C-alpha atoms as a PDB file:
ATOM      1  CA  UNK A   1     -89.454 -88.776  82.962  1.00  0.00           C
ATOM      2  CA  UNK A   2     -89.049 -88.105  79.274  1.00  0.00           C
ATOM      3  CA  UNK A   3     -90.546 -85.243  77.407  1.00  0.00           C
ATOM      4  CA  UNK A   4     -93.620 -86.141  75.354  1.00  0.00           C
ATOM      5  CA  UNK A   5     -94.360 -85.084  71.795  1.00  0.00           C
ATOM      6  CA  UNK A   6     -94.855 -81.358  71.267  1.00  0.00           C
ATOM      7  CA  UNK A   7     -92.698 -80.277  74.195  1.00  0.00           C
ATOM      8  CA  UNK A   8     -89.277 -80.040  72.469  1.00  0.00           C
ATOM      9  CA  UNK A   9     -87.511 -77.013  70.971  1.00  0.00           C
ATOM     10  CA  UNK A  10     -89.327 -77.235  67.570  1.00  0.00           C
ATOM     11  CA  UNK A  11     -92.785 -77.795  69.003  1.00  0.00           C
ATOM     12  CA  UNK A  12     -95.656 -75.929  67.315  1.00  0.00           C
ATOM     13  CA  UNK A  13     -93.786 -75.094  64.059  1.00  0.00           C
ATOM     14  CA  UNK A  14     -95.062 -76.322  60.672  1.00  0.00           C
ATOM     15  CA  UNK A  15     -93.222 -79.139  58.935  1.00  0.00           C
ATOM     16  CA  UNK A  16     -91.204 -76.976  56.496  1.00  0.00           C
ATOM     17  CA  UNK A  17     -91.875 -77.359  52.765  1.00  0.00           C
ATOM     18  CA  UNK A  18     -94.142 -80.356  53.037  1.00  0.00           C
ATOM     19  CA  UNK A  19     -97.278 -78.565  51.801  1.00  0.00           C
ATOM     20  CA  UNK A  20     -95.739 -76.986  48.715  1.00  0.00           C
ATOM     21  CA  UNK A  21     -96.503 -80.020  46.566  1.00  0.00           C
ATOM     22  CA  UNK A  22    -100.171 -79.014  46.783  1.00  0.00           C
ATOM     23  CA  UNK A  23     -99.343 -76.001  44.579  1.00  0.00           C
ATOM     24  CA  UNK A  24     -98.327 -78.312  41.739  1.00  0.00           C
ATOM     25  CA  UNK A  25    -101.915 -79.406  41.070  1.00  0.00           C
ATOM     26  CA  UNK A  26    -103.165 -75.949  39.963  1.00  0.00           C
ATOM     27  CA  UNK A  27     -99.954 -75.459  38.013  1.00  0.00           C
ATOM     28  CA  UNK A  28    -100.497 -78.731  36.168  1.00  0.00           C
ATOM     29  CA  UNK A  29    -104.146 -77.928  35.494  1.00  0.00           C
ATOM     30  CA  UNK A  30    -103.849 -74.295  34.476  1.00  0.00           C
ATOM     31  CA  UNK A  31    -100.210 -73.494  33.831  1.00  0.00           C
ATOM     32  CA  UNK A  32     -99.259 -76.217  31.367  1.00  0.00           C
ATOM     33  CA  UNK A  33    -102.101 -75.554  28.881  1.00  0.00           C
ATOM     34  CA  UNK A  34    -101.288 -71.847  29.002  1.00  0.00           C
ATOM     35  CA  UNK A  35     -97.627 -72.618  28.372  1.00  0.00           C
ATOM     36  CA  UNK A  36     -98.508 -74.868  25.426  1.00  0.00           C
ATOM     37  CA  UNK A  37    -100.799 -72.186  23.992  1.00  0.00           C
ATOM     38  CA  UNK A  38     -98.137 -69.514  24.392  1.00  0.00           C
ATOM     39  CA  UNK A  39     -95.539 -71.673  22.647  1.00  0.00           C
ATOM     40  CA  UNK A  40     -97.960 -72.440  19.811  1.00  0.00           C
ATOM     41  CA  UNK A  41     -98.754 -68.746  19.347  1.00  0.00           C
ATOM     42  CA  UNK A  42     -95.058 -67.855  19.373  1.00  0.00           C
ATOM     43  CA  UNK A  43     -94.360 -70.530  16.757  1.00  0.00           C
ATOM     44  CA  UNK A  44     -97.186 -69.287  14.544  1.00  0.00           C
ATOM     45  CA  UNK A  45     -95.912 -65.719  14.788  1.00  0.00           C
ATOM     46  CA  UNK A  46     -92.398 -66.873  13.957  1.00  0.00           C
ATOM     47  CA  UNK A  47     -93.588 -68.701  10.832  1.00  0.00           C
ATOM     48  CA  UNK A  48     -95.696 -65.686   9.829  1.00  0.00           C
ATOM     49  CA  UNK A  49     -92.653 -63.442  10.200  1.00  0.00           C
ATOM     50  CA  UNK A  50     -90.586 -65.844   8.115  1.00  0.00           C
ATOM     51  CA  UNK A  51     -93.276 -65.822   5.438  1.00  0.00           C
ATOM     52  CA  UNK A  52     -93.414 -62.025   5.390  1.00  0.00           C
ATOM     53  CA  UNK A  53     -89.648 -61.803   5.109  1.00  0.00           C
ATOM     54  CA  UNK A  54     -89.617 -64.306   2.228  1.00  0.00           C
ATOM     55  CA  UNK A  55     -92.415 -62.409   0.462  1.00  0.00           C
ATOM     56  CA  UNK A  56     -90.496 -59.137   0.826  1.00  0.00           C
ATOM     57  CA  UNK A  57     -87.336 -60.676  -0.640  1.00  0.00           C
ATOM     58  CA  UNK A  58     -89.237 -62.204  -3.579  1.00  0.00           C
ATOM     59  CA  UNK A  59     -91.072 -58.921  -4.253  1.00  0.00           C
ATOM     60  CA  UNK A  60     -87.838 -56.931  -4.171  1.00  0.00           C
ATOM     61  CA  UNK A  61     -86.169 -59.397  -6.532  1.00  0.00           C
ATOM     62  CA  UNK A  62     -89.123 -59.251  -8.943  1.00  0.00           C
ATOM     63  CA  UNK A  63     -89.142 -55.447  -8.912  1.00  0.00           C
ATOM     64  CA  UNK A  64     -85.406 -55.283  -9.521  1.00  0.00           C
ATOM     65  CA  UNK A  65     -85.668 -57.793 -12.354  1.00  0.00           C
ATOM     66  CA  UNK A  66     -88.540 -55.876 -13.966  1.00  0.00           C
ATOM     67  CA  UNK A  67     -86.705 -52.576 -13.640  1.00  0.00           C
ATOM     68  CA  UNK A  68     -83.519 -54.071 -15.052  1.00  0.00           C
ATOM     69  CA  UNK A  69     -85.396 -55.593 -17.985  1.00  0.00           C
ATOM     70  CA  UNK A  70     -87.154 -52.313 -18.753  1.00  0.00           C
ATOM     71  CA  UNK A  71     -83.886 -50.378 -18.709  1.00  0.00           C
ATOM     72  CA  UNK A  72     -82.301 -52.882 -21.126  1.00  0.00           C
ATOM     73  CA  UNK A  73     -85.181 -52.668 -23.611  1.00  0.00           C
ATOM     74  CA  UNK A  74     -85.507 -48.909 -23.435  1.00  0.00           C
ATOM     75  CA  UNK A  75     -88.420 -46.931 -22.186  1.00  0.00           C
ATOM     76  CA  UNK A  76     -91.843 -47.569 -23.744  1.00  0.00           C
ATOM     77  CA  UNK A  77     -92.439 -43.834 -24.124  1.00  0.00           C
ATOM     78  CA  UNK A  78     -89.120 -43.109 -25.823  1.00  0.00           C
ATOM     79  CA  UNK A  79     -89.279 -40.716 -28.782  1.00  0.00           C
ATOM     80  CA  UNK A  80     -90.399 -42.447 -31.966  1.00  0.00           C
ATOM     81  CA  UNK A  81     -92.209 -45.267 -30.187  1.00  0.00           C
ATOM     82  CA  UNK A  82     -95.815 -45.709 -29.151  1.00  0.00           C
ATOM     83  CA  UNK A  83     -97.140 -47.100 -25.894  1.00  0.00           C
ATOM     84  CA  UNK A  84     -96.867 -50.674 -27.147  1.00  0.00           C
ATOM     85  CA  UNK A  85     -93.263 -50.196 -28.281  1.00  0.00           C
ATOM     86  CA  UNK A  86     -94.104 -49.969 -32.016  1.00  0.00           C
ATOM     87  CA  UNK A  87     -92.438 -47.324 -34.160  1.00  0.00           C
ATOM     88  CA  UNK A  88     -94.426 -44.198 -34.908  1.00  0.00           C
ATOM     89  CA  UNK A  89     -96.232 -44.443 -38.234  1.00  0.00           C
ATOM     90  CA  UNK A  90     -96.126 -48.242 -38.411  1.00  0.00           C
ATOM     91  CA  UNK A  91     -99.339 -50.127 -38.982  1.00  0.00           C
ATOM     92  CA  UNK A  92    -100.596 -52.806 -36.616  1.00  0.00           C
ATOM     93  CA  UNK A  93    -100.274 -56.400 -37.821  1.00  0.00           C
ATOM     94  CA  UNK A  94    -103.056 -57.560 -40.127  1.00  0.00           C
ATOM     95  CA  UNK A  95    -105.257 -60.241 -38.632  1.00  0.00           C
ATOM     96  CA  UNK A  96    -106.450 -63.083 -40.907  1.00  0.00           C
ATOM     97  CA  UNK A  97    -110.135 -62.517 -40.213  1.00  0.00           C
ATOM     98  CA  UNK A  98    -110.059 -58.737 -40.699  1.00  0.00           C
ATOM     99  CA  UNK A  99    -110.915 -57.220 -44.077  1.00  0.00           C
END
């Protein structure tokens, strides 16, 4: 007589990894959208950081250029000059419609 099914050395044990494919359905439903959202958020943050860095460089360059230009022209409150850079005692330009 031969042994029937379920009487051998591996009888009663589950079939190994056969049921693991069932875990892919929740991963496909829930995991992939979360992964896409996380990648989108990371990309947005990266572009925002790039924009902030570019703004900082442009601001620093503008401040350096303004400071360099002011040092070349002399200070506006230097002795003998008014706030608008005119010499002390000089009259403002005459406008055509003023009397």
